[in-house]
Amino acid sequence: MLRTYFQSCNFAHRANKRPAAVLRMAAASQPSGAGACSFKGSMDRYAALEGLRRESPAAERNKQPILDVLLEYLPRRTGTAAAAPDAAPGDGARRPLILEIASGSGQHAAHVAAGLPEYDIQPTDVTPELYGSIAAYAADLPNVRLPPLALDAAAADDWPRAVAAASAGDGDGGNVGAGARGCVDAILCVNMCHISPLAATRGLLRGAGVALRPAGGLLFVYGPFTRGGRHTSDSNAAFDASLRNRDLEWGYRDLDQMAAWAAEAGLDAVEVRDMPANNFMLVFRRGGRGGGEAAE
């Protein structure tokens, strides 16, 4: 039932890409009759999607700094490599793919898709209640693949199914085959590691070691971390303590630990960049081998 609903959202957003202001102007000039009824249906679908949006103030603040890092690392494609956003799978022009883990409200997926129109963005999340918000933010962005995929970063069985679905571009995770390995050009994960069990962070790194394109696929992990076992600010120390009080499995991970776990998964550390508000962007690159053991 859930999948069917979001497939219909996908159809609606591809059929109607105009912003709200243009829709209102067009509605005012629409003649009465069957055409008006059809247009009213489009407006109703648009309004329904808008009502599903959830807003994260933190995502709104950090989405541009995050995109700026991606723009530095990800090649801009032209010509045949930059197929039209609605190109069908198997049409001979493979579009590069960014897999987002823990998409949340969908604000990052939409912002990255707008800033990197040459790339397809596949959002994922473990919480179905957020899928409507993700779809709403993506309503006028044909390079965001919908429906969002169900993916628990900690669950080894979820990775091949989700990556196979992402590579097929059809939202169907039932066919796990060769497409489940090495087909993703980049993975983005924002603010997940400190508010999830450690197994999710370990699963993210191991999954990336299999899903990313060999010898070049990139993993971007954004959030707060400790450095050398120490917090970078008093406010971070207080926030970390509050997280651990809420859930013993939550809390900041250490940058050195992240690098070690990434290496176990076949990922090379490329950069640790200081970001606004005492956050970091960790960049890893998949080498010629992958970790593999957690995503089998």
C-alpha atoms as a PDB file:
ATOM      1  CA  MET A   1       0.000   0.000   0.000  1.00  0.00           C
ATOM      2  CA  LEU A   2       2.752   2.444   0.950  1.00  0.00           C
ATOM      3  CA  ARG A   3       4.751   1.730  -2.203  1.00  0.00           C
ATOM      4  CA  THR A   4       1.684   2.157  -4.417  1.00  0.00           C
ATOM      5  CA  TYR A   5       0.915   5.540  -2.846  1.00  0.00           C
ATOM      6  CA  PHE A   6       4.393   6.901  -3.421  1.00  0.00           C
ATOM      7  CA  GLN A   7       4.480   5.598  -6.977  1.00  0.00           C
ATOM      8  CA  SER A   8       1.445   7.828  -7.584  1.00  0.00           C
ATOM      9  CA  CYS A   9       3.332  10.754  -5.996  1.00  0.00           C
ATOM     10  CA  ASN A  10       6.182  10.096  -8.397  1.00  0.00           C
ATOM     11  CA  PHE A  11       3.808  10.266 -11.361  1.00  0.00           C
ATOM     12  CA  ALA A  12       2.262  13.510 -10.119  1.00  0.00           C
ATOM     13  CA  HIS A  13       5.600  15.298  -9.652  1.00  0.00           C
ATOM     14  CA  ARG A  14       6.825  14.326 -13.122  1.00  0.00           C
ATOM     15  CA  ALA A  15       3.584  15.399 -14.728  1.00  0.00           C
ATOM     16  CA  ASN A  16       3.476  18.801 -13.036  1.00  0.00           C
ATOM     17  CA  LYS A  17       6.832  20.573 -12.606  1.00  0.00           C
ATOM     18  CA  ARG A  18       5.613  24.167 -12.326  1.00  0.00           C
ATOM     19  CA  PRO A  19       6.170  26.142  -9.106  1.00  0.00           C
ATOM     20  CA  ALA A  20       3.204  27.214  -7.003  1.00  0.00           C
ATOM     21  CA  ALA A  21       3.111  30.795  -8.319  1.00  0.00           C
ATOM     22  CA  VAL A  22       2.893  29.608 -11.926  1.00  0.00           C
ATOM     23  CA  LEU A  23       0.194  27.109 -10.988  1.00  0.00           C
ATOM     24  CA  ARG A  24      -1.906  29.859  -9.428  1.00  0.00           C
ATOM     25  CA  MET A  25      -1.493  32.090 -12.469  1.00  0.00           C
ATOM     26  CA  ALA A  26      -2.432  29.268 -14.819  1.00  0.00           C
ATOM     27  CA  ALA A  27      -5.456  28.370 -12.707  1.00  0.00           C
ATOM     28  CA  ALA A  28      -6.787  31.908 -13.004  1.00  0.00           C
ATOM     29  CA  SER A  29      -6.715  31.695 -16.792  1.00  0.00           C
ATOM     30  CA  GLN A  30      -8.015  28.108 -17.055  1.00  0.00           C
ATOM     31  CA  PRO A  31     -11.422  27.809 -18.784  1.00  0.00           C
ATOM     32  CA  SER A  32     -14.283  26.073 -17.042  1.00  0.00           C
ATOM     33  CA  GLY A  33     -15.333  22.527 -17.877  1.00  0.00           C
ATOM     34  CA  ALA A  34     -13.397  19.290 -18.061  1.00  0.00           C
ATOM     35  CA  GLY A  35     -10.081  21.075 -18.456  1.00  0.00           C
ATOM     36  CA  ALA A  36     -10.661  23.041 -15.274  1.00  0.00           C
ATOM     37  CA  CYS A  37     -11.510  19.858 -13.380  1.00  0.00           C
ATOM     38  CA  SER A  38      -8.331  18.244 -14.617  1.00  0.00           C
ATOM     39  CA  PHE A  39      -6.279  21.248 -13.560  1.00  0.00           C
ATOM     40  CA  LYS A  40      -8.002  21.344 -10.165  1.00  0.00           C
ATOM     41  CA  GLY A  41      -6.912  17.741  -9.678  1.00  0.00           C
ATOM     42  CA  SER A  42      -3.315  18.756 -10.328  1.00  0.00           C
ATOM     43  CA  MET A  43      -3.613  21.622  -7.860  1.00  0.00           C
ATOM     44  CA  ASP A  44      -5.114  19.318  -5.245  1.00  0.00           C
ATOM     45  CA  ARG A  45      -2.246  16.865  -5.655  1.00  0.00           C
ATOM     46  CA  TYR A  46       0.257  19.711  -5.372  1.00  0.00           C
ATOM     47  CA  ALA A  47      -1.408  21.045  -2.209  1.00  0.00           C
ATOM     48  CA  ALA A  48      -1.457  17.565  -0.691  1.00  0.00           C
ATOM     49  CA  LEU A  49       2.270  17.163  -1.263  1.00  0.00           C
ATOM     50  CA  GLU A  50       2.994  20.615   0.156  1.00  0.00           C
ATOM     51  CA  GLY A  51       1.093  19.684   3.296  1.00  0.00           C
ATOM     52  CA  LEU A  52       3.391  16.710   3.853  1.00  0.00           C
ATOM     53  CA  ARG A  53       6.594  18.754   4.095  1.00  0.00           C
ATOM     54  CA  ARG A  54       8.496  18.644   7.362  1.00  0.00           C
ATOM     55  CA  GLU A  55      11.120  21.294   7.926  1.00  0.00           C
ATOM     56  CA  SER A  56      14.379  20.789   9.783  1.00  0.00           C
ATOM     57  CA  PRO A  57      15.972  24.143  10.698  1.00  0.00           C
ATOM     58  CA  ALA A  58      19.394  22.471  10.880  1.00  0.00           C
ATOM     59  CA  ALA A  59      18.984  21.036   7.383  1.00  0.00           C
ATOM     60  CA  GLU A  60      17.988  24.444   6.090  1.00  0.00           C
ATOM     61  CA  ARG A  61      21.156  25.975   7.563  1.00  0.00           C
ATOM     62  CA  ASN A  62      23.641  23.336   6.472  1.00  0.00           C
ATOM     63  CA  LYS A  63      22.314  22.282   3.071  1.00  0.00           C
ATOM     64  CA  GLN A  64      24.342  24.847   1.106  1.00  0.00           C
ATOM     65  CA  PRO A  65      27.693  24.196   2.864  1.00  0.00           C
ATOM     66  CA  ILE A  66      27.138  20.486   2.245  1.00  0.00           C
ATOM     67  CA  LEU A  67      26.349  21.054  -1.423  1.00  0.00           C
ATOM     68  CA  ASP A  68      29.459  23.220  -1.768  1.00  0.00           C
ATOM     69  CA  VAL A  69      31.634  20.267  -0.732  1.00  0.00           C
ATOM     70  CA  LEU A  70      29.889  17.927  -3.162  1.00  0.00           C
ATOM     71  CA  LEU A  71      30.384  20.429  -5.970  1.00  0.00           C
ATOM     72  CA  GLU A  72      34.127  20.385  -5.307  1.00  0.00           C
ATOM     73  CA  TYR A  73      34.415  16.615  -5.517  1.00  0.00           C
ATOM     74  CA  LEU A  74      31.805  15.414  -7.987  1.00  0.00           C
ATOM     75  CA  PRO A  75      32.583  15.880 -11.679  1.00  0.00           C
ATOM     76  CA  ARG A  76      30.108  17.895 -13.711  1.00  0.00           C
ATOM     77  CA  ARG A  77      29.032  15.892 -16.712  1.00  0.00           C
ATOM     78  CA  THR A  78      28.116  17.096 -20.166  1.00  0.00           C
ATOM     79  CA  GLY A  79      27.084  15.582 -23.459  1.00  0.00           C
ATOM     80  CA  THR A  80      25.917  11.977 -23.592  1.00  0.00           C
ATOM     81  CA  ALA A  81      26.929  11.314 -19.994  1.00  0.00           C
ATOM     82  CA  ALA A  82      24.372  13.864 -18.803  1.00  0.00           C
ATOM     83  CA  ALA A  83      21.214  12.196 -20.057  1.00  0.00           C
ATOM     84  CA  ALA A  84      17.881  13.929 -19.557  1.00  0.00           C
ATOM     85  CA  PRO A  85      16.593  13.634 -15.967  1.00  0.00           C
ATOM     86  CA  ASP A  86      13.634  11.517 -17.118  1.00  0.00           C
ATOM     87  CA  ALA A  87      15.718   9.166 -19.270  1.00  0.00           C
ATOM     88  CA  ALA A  88      14.597   5.594 -18.813  1.00  0.00           C
ATOM     89  CA  PRO A  89      16.974   2.952 -17.467  1.00  0.00           C
ATOM     90  CA  GLY A  90      18.620   1.029 -20.273  1.00  0.00           C
ATOM     91  CA  ASP A  91      18.316   3.828 -22.836  1.00  0.00           C
ATOM     92  CA  GLY A  92      22.073   3.749 -23.417  1.00  0.00           C
ATOM     93  CA  ALA A  93      22.998   6.803 -21.336  1.00  0.00           C
ATOM     94  CA  ARG A  94      23.766   5.953 -17.730  1.00  0.00           C
ATOM     95  CA  ARG A  95      23.211   8.844 -15.374  1.00  0.00           C
ATOM     96  CA  PRO A  96      25.531   9.098 -12.346  1.00  0.00           C
ATOM     97  CA  LEU A  97      23.831   8.196  -9.085  1.00  0.00           C
ATOM     98  CA  ILE A  98      23.999   9.645  -5.563  1.00  0.00           C
ATOM     99  CA  LEU A  99      22.491   7.466  -2.836  1.00  0.00           C
ATOM    100  CA  GLU A 100      21.402   9.395   0.248  1.00  0.00           C
ATOM    101  CA  ILE A 101      21.249   7.505   3.536  1.00  0.00           C
ATOM    102  CA  ALA A 102      18.855   8.697   6.269  1.00  0.00           C
ATOM    103  CA  SER A 103      17.204  11.341   4.082  1.00  0.00           C
ATOM    104  CA  GLY A 104      14.926  12.573   6.859  1.00  0.00           C
ATOM    105  CA  SER A 105      12.722  15.447   5.735  1.00  0.00           C
ATOM    106  CA  GLY A 106      14.076  15.379   2.173  1.00  0.00           C
ATOM    107  CA  GLN A 107      15.554  18.885   2.239  1.00  0.00           C
ATOM    108  CA  HIS A 108      19.080  17.728   1.445  1.00  0.00           C
ATOM    109  CA  ALA A 109      18.005  15.435  -1.391  1.00  0.00           C
ATOM    110  CA  ALA A 110      16.095  18.277  -3.027  1.00  0.00           C
ATOM    111  CA  HIS A 111      18.886  20.821  -2.592  1.00  0.00           C
ATOM    112  CA  VAL A 112      21.557  18.485  -3.939  1.00  0.00           C
ATOM    113  CA  ALA A 113      19.346  17.511  -6.867  1.00  0.00           C
ATOM    114  CA  ALA A 114      18.836  21.161  -7.788  1.00  0.00           C
ATOM    115  CA  GLY A 115      22.555  21.897  -7.510  1.00  0.00           C
ATOM    116  CA  LEU A 116      23.676  18.787  -9.404  1.00  0.00           C
ATOM    117  CA  PRO A 117      21.090  18.270 -12.162  1.00  0.00           C
ATOM    118  CA  GLU A 118      23.453  15.891 -13.982  1.00  0.00           C
ATOM    119  CA  TYR A 119      23.065  13.380 -11.142  1.00  0.00           C
ATOM    120  CA  ASP A 120      20.149  11.243 -10.060  1.00  0.00           C
ATOM    121  CA  ILE A 121      19.484  11.314  -6.311  1.00  0.00           C
ATOM    122  CA  GLN A 122      17.989   8.254  -4.623  1.00  0.00           C
ATOM    123  CA  PRO A 123      16.708   9.096  -1.120  1.00  0.00           C
ATOM    124  CA  THR A 124      16.383   6.384   1.525  1.00  0.00           C
ATOM    125  CA  ASP A 125      15.205   6.250   5.107  1.00  0.00           C
ATOM    126  CA  VAL A 126      14.260   3.709   7.730  1.00  0.00           C
ATOM    127  CA  THR A 127      11.151   5.715   8.745  1.00  0.00           C
ATOM    128  CA  PRO A 128       8.192   5.409   6.325  1.00  0.00           C
ATOM    129  CA  GLU A 129       6.422   8.368   7.956  1.00  0.00           C
ATOM    130  CA  LEU A 130       9.037  10.656   6.359  1.00  0.00           C
ATOM    131  CA  TYR A 131       8.503   9.460   2.785  1.00  0.00           C
ATOM    132  CA  GLY A 132       5.712  11.944   2.146  1.00  0.00           C
ATOM    133  CA  SER A 133       7.939  14.867   3.138  1.00  0.00           C
ATOM    134  CA  ILE A 134      10.742  13.595   0.898  1.00  0.00           C
ATOM    135  CA  ALA A 135       8.319  13.317  -2.023  1.00  0.00           C
ATOM    136  CA  ALA A 136       6.945  16.801  -1.386  1.00  0.00           C
ATOM    137  CA  TYR A 137      10.369  18.463  -1.451  1.00  0.00           C
ATOM    138  CA  ALA A 138      11.160  16.583  -4.673  1.00  0.00           C
ATOM    139  CA  ALA A 139       7.905  17.527  -6.381  1.00  0.00           C
ATOM    140  CA  ASP A 140       9.516  19.653  -9.117  1.00  0.00           C
ATOM    141  CA  LEU A 141      12.846  17.803  -9.352  1.00  0.00           C
ATOM    142  CA  PRO A 142      12.775  14.984 -11.918  1.00  0.00           C
ATOM    143  CA  ASN A 143      16.268  13.806 -10.961  1.00  0.00           C
ATOM    144  CA  VAL A 144      15.127  12.769  -7.473  1.00  0.00           C
ATOM    145  CA  ARG A 145      14.078   9.141  -7.748  1.00  0.00           C
ATOM    146  CA  LEU A 146      10.826   8.279  -6.026  1.00  0.00           C
ATOM    147  CA  PRO A 147       9.555   6.487  -4.071  1.00  0.00           C
ATOM    148  CA  PRO A 148      12.188   6.731  -1.343  1.00  0.00           C
ATOM    149  CA  LEU A 149      13.737   3.357  -0.587  1.00  0.00           C
ATOM    150  CA  ALA A 150      13.489   1.658   2.792  1.00  0.00           C
ATOM    151  CA  LEU A 151      17.037   1.201   4.043  1.00  0.00           C
ATOM    152  CA  ASP A 152      18.240   0.540   7.576  1.00  0.00           C
ATOM    153  CA  ALA A 153      21.955   1.297   7.409  1.00  0.00           C
ATOM    154  CA  ALA A 154      22.611  -1.267  10.140  1.00  0.00           C
ATOM    155  CA  ALA A 155      20.832  -4.096   8.310  1.00  0.00           C
ATOM    156  CA  ALA A 156      23.189  -6.004   6.027  1.00  0.00           C
ATOM    157  CA  ASP A 157      20.298  -7.488   4.032  1.00  0.00           C
ATOM    158  CA  ASP A 158      18.862  -4.037   3.235  1.00  0.00           C
ATOM    159  CA  TRP A 159      21.910  -2.827   1.319  1.00  0.00           C
ATOM    160  CA  PRO A 160      21.932  -5.148  -1.720  1.00  0.00           C
ATOM    161  CA  ARG A 161      18.164  -4.860  -2.101  1.00  0.00           C
ATOM    162  CA  ALA A 162      18.159  -1.057  -1.929  1.00  0.00           C
ATOM    163  CA  VAL A 163      21.187  -0.619  -4.166  1.00  0.00           C
ATOM    164  CA  ALA A 164      19.753  -2.996  -6.761  1.00  0.00           C
ATOM    165  CA  ALA A 165      16.541  -0.952  -6.744  1.00  0.00           C
ATOM    166  CA  ALA A 166      18.475   2.305  -7.012  1.00  0.00           C
ATOM    167  CA  SER A 167      20.540   1.039  -9.936  1.00  0.00           C
ATOM    168  CA  ALA A 168      17.394  -0.153 -11.706  1.00  0.00           C
ATOM    169  CA  GLY A 169      15.720   3.191 -11.059  1.00  0.00           C
ATOM    170  CA  ASP A 170      12.321   1.566 -10.632  1.00  0.00           C
ATOM    171  CA  GLY A 171      11.811   1.584  -6.869  1.00  0.00           C
ATOM    172  CA  ASP A 172      11.557  -2.207  -6.796  1.00  0.00           C
ATOM    173  CA  GLY A 173      14.000  -3.788  -4.393  1.00  0.00           C
ATOM    174  CA  GLY A 174      12.980  -7.351  -5.138  1.00  0.00           C
ATOM    175  CA  ASN A 175      15.640  -8.077  -7.751  1.00  0.00           C
ATOM    176  CA  VAL A 176      19.045  -8.415  -6.125  1.00  0.00           C
ATOM    177  CA  GLY A 177      21.669  -9.077  -8.761  1.00  0.00           C
ATOM    178  CA  ALA A 178      24.808  -7.614 -10.239  1.00  0.00           C
ATOM    179  CA  GLY A 179      23.322  -4.133  -9.888  1.00  0.00           C
ATOM    180  CA  ALA A 180      23.655  -4.442  -6.118  1.00  0.00           C
ATOM    181  CA  ARG A 181      27.408  -3.908  -6.260  1.00  0.00           C
ATOM    182  CA  GLY A 182      29.574  -1.031  -7.324  1.00  0.00           C
ATOM    183  CA  CYS A 183      26.963   1.002  -9.182  1.00  0.00           C
ATOM    184  CA  VAL A 184      26.742   4.093  -6.941  1.00  0.00           C
ATOM    185  CA  ASP A 185      28.916   7.107  -7.752  1.00  0.00           C
ATOM    186  CA  ALA A 186      28.498   8.813  -4.371  1.00  0.00           C
ATOM    187  CA  ILE A 187      26.789   8.271  -1.031  1.00  0.00           C
ATOM    188  CA  LEU A 188      25.680  11.142   1.214  1.00  0.00           C
ATOM    189  CA  CYS A 189      24.775  10.748   4.884  1.00  0.00           C
ATOM    190  CA  VAL A 190      23.924  13.800   6.987  1.00  0.00           C
ATOM    191  CA  ASN A 191      23.513  13.878  10.773  1.00  0.00           C
ATOM    192  CA  MET A 192      22.875  10.174  11.279  1.00  0.00           C
ATOM    193  CA  CYS A 193      25.903   8.804  13.109  1.00  0.00           C
ATOM    194  CA  HIS A 194      25.340  10.524  16.456  1.00  0.00           C
ATOM    195  CA  ILE A 195      21.581   9.866  16.678  1.00  0.00           C
ATOM    196  CA  SER A 196      21.545   6.181  15.804  1.00  0.00           C
ATOM    197  CA  PRO A 197      23.091   3.000  17.199  1.00  0.00           C
ATOM    198  CA  LEU A 198      26.745   2.377  16.450  1.00  0.00           C
ATOM    199  CA  ALA A 199      25.636  -0.486  14.195  1.00  0.00           C
ATOM    200  CA  ALA A 200      24.162   2.085  11.801  1.00  0.00           C
ATOM    201  CA  THR A 201      27.493   3.902  11.450  1.00  0.00           C
ATOM    202  CA  ARG A 202      29.394   0.644  10.979  1.00  0.00           C
ATOM    203  CA  GLY A 203      26.743  -0.507   8.511  1.00  0.00           C
ATOM    204  CA  LEU A 204      27.009   2.736   6.551  1.00  0.00           C
ATOM    205  CA  LEU A 205      30.745   2.308   6.062  1.00  0.00           C
ATOM    206  CA  ARG A 206      30.525  -1.385   5.210  1.00  0.00           C
ATOM    207  CA  GLY A 207      27.633  -0.834   2.834  1.00  0.00           C
ATOM    208  CA  ALA A 208      29.511   1.955   1.085  1.00  0.00           C
ATOM    209  CA  GLY A 209      32.458  -0.397   0.652  1.00  0.00           C
ATOM    210  CA  VAL A 210      30.253  -2.591  -1.542  1.00  0.00           C
ATOM    211  CA  ALA A 211      27.779  -0.163  -3.119  1.00  0.00           C
ATOM    212  CA  LEU A 212      30.227   2.496  -4.318  1.00  0.00           C
ATOM    213  CA  ARG A 213      31.865   2.341  -7.712  1.00  0.00           C
ATOM    214  CA  PRO A 214      35.289   0.690  -7.302  1.00  0.00           C
ATOM    215  CA  ALA A 215      38.378   2.867  -7.533  1.00  0.00           C
ATOM    216  CA  GLY A 216      36.654   6.196  -7.192  1.00  0.00           C
ATOM    217  CA  GLY A 217      33.181   6.146  -5.612  1.00  0.00           C
ATOM    218  CA  LEU A 218      32.870   8.748  -2.836  1.00  0.00           C
ATOM    219  CA  LEU A 219      31.238   8.670   0.590  1.00  0.00           C
ATOM    220  CA  PHE A 220      30.343  11.978   2.275  1.00  0.00           C
ATOM    221  CA  VAL A 221      29.484  11.812   5.989  1.00  0.00           C
ATOM    222  CA  TYR A 222      28.406  15.042   7.705  1.00  0.00           C
ATOM    223  CA  GLY A 223      27.854  15.669  11.384  1.00  0.00           C
ATOM    224  CA  PRO A 224      29.463  16.292  14.781  1.00  0.00           C
ATOM    225  CA  PHE A 225      32.335  14.040  15.880  1.00  0.00           C
ATOM    226  CA  THR A 226      34.989  13.990  18.566  1.00  0.00           C
ATOM    227  CA  ARG A 227      38.620  14.450  17.562  1.00  0.00           C
ATOM    228  CA  GLY A 228      41.208  12.360  19.382  1.00  0.00           C
ATOM    229  CA  GLY A 229      38.548  11.463  21.945  1.00  0.00           C
ATOM    230  CA  ARG A 230      37.851  15.127  22.753  1.00  0.00           C
ATOM    231  CA  HIS A 231      34.893  17.327  21.947  1.00  0.00           C
ATOM    232  CA  THR A 232      35.584  20.392  19.843  1.00  0.00           C
ATOM    233  CA  SER A 233      33.404  22.688  21.980  1.00  0.00           C
ATOM    234  CA  ASP A 234      31.605  22.800  25.308  1.00  0.00           C
ATOM    235  CA  SER A 235      28.264  22.875  23.521  1.00  0.00           C
ATOM    236  CA  ASN A 236      29.154  19.679  21.668  1.00  0.00           C
ATOM    237  CA  ALA A 237      30.117  17.980  24.925  1.00  0.00           C
ATOM    238  CA  ALA A 238      26.778  18.958  26.459  1.00  0.00           C
ATOM    239  CA  PHE A 239      24.838  17.804  23.400  1.00  0.00           C
ATOM    240  CA  ASP A 240      26.685  14.480  23.325  1.00  0.00           C
ATOM    241  CA  ALA A 241      25.885  13.908  26.997  1.00  0.00           C
ATOM    242  CA  SER A 242      22.212  14.679  26.391  1.00  0.00           C
ATOM    243  CA  LEU A 243      22.099  12.189  23.512  1.00  0.00           C
ATOM    244  CA  ARG A 244      23.607   9.419  25.631  1.00  0.00           C
ATOM    245  CA  ASN A 245      21.122  10.175  28.402  1.00  0.00           C
ATOM    246  CA  ARG A 246      18.295   9.719  25.910  1.00  0.00           C
ATOM    247  CA  ASP A 247      19.671   6.506  24.404  1.00  0.00           C
ATOM    248  CA  LEU A 248      22.785   4.625  25.469  1.00  0.00           C
ATOM    249  CA  GLU A 249      23.393   3.581  21.852  1.00  0.00           C
ATOM    250  CA  TRP A 250      23.540   7.186  20.634  1.00  0.00           C
ATOM    251  CA  GLY A 251      26.393   9.654  20.884  1.00  0.00           C
ATOM    252  CA  TYR A 252      29.296  11.182  19.004  1.00  0.00           C
ATOM    253  CA  ARG A 253      31.687   8.910  17.130  1.00  0.00           C
ATOM    254  CA  ASP A 254      35.383   9.726  16.967  1.00  0.00           C
ATOM    255  CA  LEU A 255      37.141  10.785  13.772  1.00  0.00           C
ATOM    256  CA  ASP A 256      39.960   8.294  14.316  1.00  0.00           C
ATOM    257  CA  GLN A 257      37.454   5.488  14.794  1.00  0.00           C
ATOM    258  CA  MET A 258      35.625   6.499  11.628  1.00  0.00           C
ATOM    259  CA  ALA A 259      38.844   6.332   9.618  1.00  0.00           C
ATOM    260  CA  ALA A 260      39.701   2.899  11.036  1.00  0.00           C
ATOM    261  CA  TRP A 261      36.255   1.464  10.372  1.00  0.00           C
ATOM    262  CA  ALA A 262      36.272   2.941   6.866  1.00  0.00           C
ATOM    263  CA  ALA A 263      39.633   1.320   6.134  1.00  0.00           C
ATOM    264  CA  GLU A 264      38.215  -2.052   7.191  1.00  0.00           C
ATOM    265  CA  ALA A 265      35.492  -1.527   4.582  1.00  0.00           C
ATOM    266  CA  GLY A 266      37.954  -0.752   1.791  1.00  0.00           C
ATOM    267  CA  LEU A 267      37.484   3.018   1.958  1.00  0.00           C
ATOM    268  CA  ASP A 268      40.384   5.463   1.900  1.00  0.00           C
ATOM    269  CA  ALA A 269      40.170   8.645   3.981  1.00  0.00           C
ATOM    270  CA  VAL A 270      40.385  11.658   1.673  1.00  0.00           C
ATOM    271  CA  GLU A 271      39.558  14.659   3.854  1.00  0.00           C
ATOM    272  CA  VAL A 272      38.172  15.754   7.195  1.00  0.00           C
ATOM    273  CA  ARG A 273      36.822  19.244   6.666  1.00  0.00           C
ATOM    274  CA  ASP A 274      35.730  21.648   9.379  1.00  0.00           C
ATOM    275  CA  MET A 275      32.172  22.798   8.745  1.00  0.00           C
ATOM    276  CA  PRO A 276      29.966  25.465  10.357  1.00  0.00           C
ATOM    277  CA  ALA A 277      28.616  25.005  13.895  1.00  0.00           C
ATOM    278  CA  ASN A 278      31.390  22.610  15.002  1.00  0.00           C
ATOM    279  CA  ASN A 279      30.483  19.957  12.446  1.00  0.00           C
ATOM    280  CA  PHE A 280      32.697  18.020  10.057  1.00  0.00           C
ATOM    281  CA  MET A 281      32.453  16.642   6.561  1.00  0.00           C
ATOM    282  CA  LEU A 282      34.252  13.319   6.208  1.00  0.00           C
ATOM    283  CA  VAL A 283      35.141  12.291   2.667  1.00  0.00           C
ATOM    284  CA  PHE A 284      36.100   8.712   1.833  1.00  0.00           C
ATOM    285  CA  ARG A 285      36.911   7.104  -1.499  1.00  0.00           C
ATOM    286  CA  ARG A 286      36.422   3.463  -2.364  1.00  0.00           C
ATOM    287  CA  GLY A 287      39.642   1.803  -3.449  1.00  0.00           C
ATOM    288  CA  GLY A 288      40.008  -1.089  -5.840  1.00  0.00           C
ATOM    289  CA  ARG A 289      38.627  -3.514  -3.266  1.00  0.00           C
ATOM    290  CA  GLY A 290      35.573  -3.354  -1.027  1.00  0.00           C
ATOM    291  CA  GLY A 291      34.900  -4.440   2.534  1.00  0.00           C
ATOM    292  CA  GLY A 292      31.987  -6.558   1.402  1.00  0.00           C
ATOM    293  CA  GLU A 293      31.413  -8.674   4.483  1.00  0.00           C
ATOM    294  CA  ALA A 294      28.538  -6.597   5.885  1.00  0.00           C
ATOM    295  CA  ALA A 295      26.599  -6.178   2.667  1.00  0.00           C
ATOM    296  CA  GLU A 296      26.677  -9.745   1.421  1.00  0.00           C
END
